[in-house]
Amino acid sequence: MNDKFFIDTNIFVYSFDSNNPVKQKISQGMIKKALGDQEGCISSQVIQEFLHVSSKKFSPALSSENCLKYLHTVLSPLCEIFTSIDLYRATIEISERWKYSFYDSMIITAALQTNCGILYSEDLQHNQKVQTLTIINPFIPS
């Protein structure tokens, strides 16, 4: 079994959400595990989405200085895949086959291309298998 996992953007967003302490704690634990055991990863898309949300939609928004700090200490060390023509091709196929939106399909494709066995996301169908990948909502009690 492949222990490598991919973390969707919403996990990073919840790690800052003090209004939802349960999801915040779970998210912070997942990020800490990803950084600690080097089994977790993300894509450049996750970085883009998180930086946008954290600097525009957080209340209060993260400052540029704090965005850069988080980028260098958390996001950059976890980033293993960047947008490419091959990623786009595979994304179109995933979207067509599993009927996910283009951007959700990009996340799934990135997880597959980094050889992850699990994709943690609240936004996708819990327990769905996409090729060798299982989508898990980490906020559903097991």
Protein backbone atom coordinates (compact mmCIF):
# COMPACT_ATOMS: atom_id res chain seq x y z
CA MET A 1 0.00 0.00 0.00
CA ASN A 2 1.24 3.46 -0.90
CA ASP A 3 1.42 5.69 2.19
CA LYS A 4 2.13 8.83 0.20
CA PHE A 5 -0.70 11.37 0.34
CA PHE A 6 -1.75 14.55 -1.40
CA ILE A 7 -3.30 17.49 0.46
CA ASP A 8 -5.97 19.64 -1.20
CA THR A 9 -6.13 23.41 -0.66
CA ASN A 10 -9.05 23.28 1.77
CA ILE A 11 -6.88 21.50 4.35
CA PHE A 12 -4.46 24.45 4.40
CA VAL A 13 -7.33 26.92 4.62
CA TYR A 14 -8.87 25.10 7.60
CA SER A 15 -5.51 25.06 9.37
CA PHE A 16 -6.01 28.81 9.87
CA ASP A 17 -9.73 28.65 10.74
CA SER A 18 -10.03 29.31 14.47
CA ASN A 19 -13.83 29.40 14.05
CA ASN A 20 -13.73 25.66 13.37
CA PRO A 21 -11.31 24.25 15.97
CA VAL A 22 -11.96 20.58 15.13
CA LYS A 23 -11.15 21.00 11.44
CA GLN A 24 -8.29 23.34 12.33
CA LYS A 25 -6.68 20.74 14.61
CA ILE A 26 -7.11 17.91 12.08
CA SER A 27 -5.67 20.10 9.30
CA GLN A 28 -2.71 21.26 11.33
CA GLY A 29 -1.95 17.64 12.26
CA MET A 30 -2.04 16.55 8.61
CA ILE A 31 0.29 19.36 7.55
CA LYS A 32 2.68 18.60 10.40
CA LYS A 33 2.71 14.90 9.43
CA ALA A 34 3.29 15.79 5.77
CA LEU A 35 6.27 17.95 6.65
CA GLY A 36 7.61 15.54 9.25
CA ASP A 37 7.53 12.21 7.45
CA GLN A 38 7.85 13.64 3.94
CA GLU A 39 5.00 11.40 2.74
CA GLY A 40 2.65 14.31 1.98
CA CYS A 41 2.76 16.56 -1.05
CA ILE A 42 0.95 19.26 -2.99
CA SER A 43 1.01 20.85 -6.42
CA SER A 44 1.65 24.38 -7.62
CA GLN A 45 -2.14 24.72 -8.01
CA VAL A 46 -2.57 24.26 -4.25
CA ILE A 47 0.01 26.98 -3.64
CA GLN A 48 -1.76 29.37 -6.00
CA GLU A 49 -5.18 28.72 -4.50
CA PHE A 50 -3.99 28.99 -0.91
CA LEU A 51 -2.04 32.21 -1.44
CA HIS A 52 -5.03 33.77 -3.16
CA VAL A 53 -7.49 32.78 -0.42
CA SER A 54 -5.17 33.65 2.47
CA SER A 55 -4.29 37.08 1.12
CA LYS A 56 -7.77 38.06 -0.10
CA LYS A 57 -10.41 36.12 1.81
CA PHE A 58 -9.02 35.44 5.29
CA SER A 59 -10.24 37.81 7.96
CA PRO A 60 -7.81 39.28 8.65
CA ALA A 61 -5.90 38.56 5.46
CA LEU A 62 -2.37 37.24 5.75
CA SER A 63 0.19 39.95 5.13
CA SER A 64 2.61 39.63 2.23
CA GLU A 65 5.35 38.92 4.74
CA ASN A 66 3.36 36.08 6.35
CA CYS A 67 2.38 34.68 2.94
CA LEU A 68 6.05 34.55 1.95
CA LYS A 69 6.99 32.95 5.26
CA TYR A 70 4.31 30.25 4.88
CA LEU A 71 5.28 29.72 1.25
CA HIS A 72 8.91 29.08 2.19
CA THR A 73 8.37 27.04 5.36
CA VAL A 74 5.30 24.94 4.49
CA LEU A 75 4.10 25.10 0.90
CA SER A 76 7.40 25.01 -0.97
CA PRO A 77 8.79 21.97 0.88
CA LEU A 78 5.60 20.03 0.06
CA CYS A 79 5.31 21.01 -3.61
CA GLU A 80 6.24 18.14 -5.91
CA ILE A 81 4.41 18.85 -9.16
CA PHE A 82 3.99 21.86 -11.38
CA THR A 83 1.56 22.56 -14.20
CA SER A 84 2.60 21.03 -17.51
CA ILE A 85 1.10 20.03 -20.84
CA ASP A 86 1.09 16.39 -19.67
CA LEU A 87 -0.81 17.40 -16.54
CA TYR A 88 -3.40 19.22 -18.66
CA ARG A 89 -3.82 16.23 -21.00
CA ALA A 90 -4.33 13.83 -18.12
CA THR A 91 -6.65 16.32 -16.40
CA ILE A 92 -8.95 16.41 -19.43
CA GLU A 93 -9.11 12.61 -19.41
CA ILE A 94 -9.84 12.48 -15.65
CA SER A 95 -12.52 15.15 -15.99
CA GLU A 96 -14.19 13.32 -18.85
CA ARG A 97 -14.09 9.89 -17.18
CA TRP A 98 -15.04 10.86 -13.60
CA LYS A 99 -17.08 14.02 -14.31
CA TYR A 100 -15.18 16.27 -11.91
CA SER A 101 -14.64 19.94 -12.74
CA PHE A 102 -11.45 20.87 -14.54
CA TYR A 103 -9.76 22.29 -11.42
CA ASP A 104 -10.80 19.36 -9.21
CA SER A 105 -9.51 17.04 -11.95
CA MET A 106 -6.18 18.89 -11.90
CA ILE A 107 -5.86 18.13 -8.18
CA ILE A 108 -6.71 14.46 -8.77
CA THR A 109 -4.27 14.27 -11.68
CA ALA A 110 -1.49 15.88 -9.65
CA ALA A 111 -2.07 13.35 -6.87
CA LEU A 112 -1.92 10.49 -9.36
CA GLN A 113 1.21 11.84 -11.05
CA THR A 114 3.01 12.11 -7.70
CA ASN A 115 2.14 8.45 -7.00
CA CYS A 116 -0.04 9.21 -3.99
CA GLY A 117 -2.37 6.53 -2.67
CA ILE A 118 -4.63 9.02 -0.88
CA LEU A 119 -5.97 12.46 -1.73
CA TYR A 120 -7.25 14.32 1.33
CA SER A 121 -10.02 16.74 0.38
CA GLU A 122 -13.30 17.89 1.79
CA ASP A 123 -14.52 18.97 -1.65
CA LEU A 124 -14.46 15.65 -3.50
CA GLN A 125 -16.44 12.41 -3.16
CA HIS A 126 -15.33 10.58 0.01
CA ASN A 127 -13.97 7.05 -0.55
CA GLN A 128 -14.06 7.32 -4.34
CA LYS A 129 -11.31 5.43 -6.14
CA VAL A 130 -9.80 7.11 -9.19
CA GLN A 131 -7.34 4.68 -10.72
CA THR A 132 -4.83 3.98 -7.89
CA LEU A 133 -5.98 6.92 -5.76
CA THR A 134 -8.54 6.97 -2.94
CA ILE A 135 -10.20 10.27 -2.06
CA ILE A 136 -10.65 10.73 1.68
CA ASN A 137 -12.49 13.48 3.51
CA PRO A 138 -10.40 13.74 6.70
CA PHE A 139 -13.22 15.49 8.55
CA ILE A 140 -15.60 12.52 8.39
CA PRO A 141 -15.20 10.47 11.57
CA SER A 142 -13.88 6.99 10.84
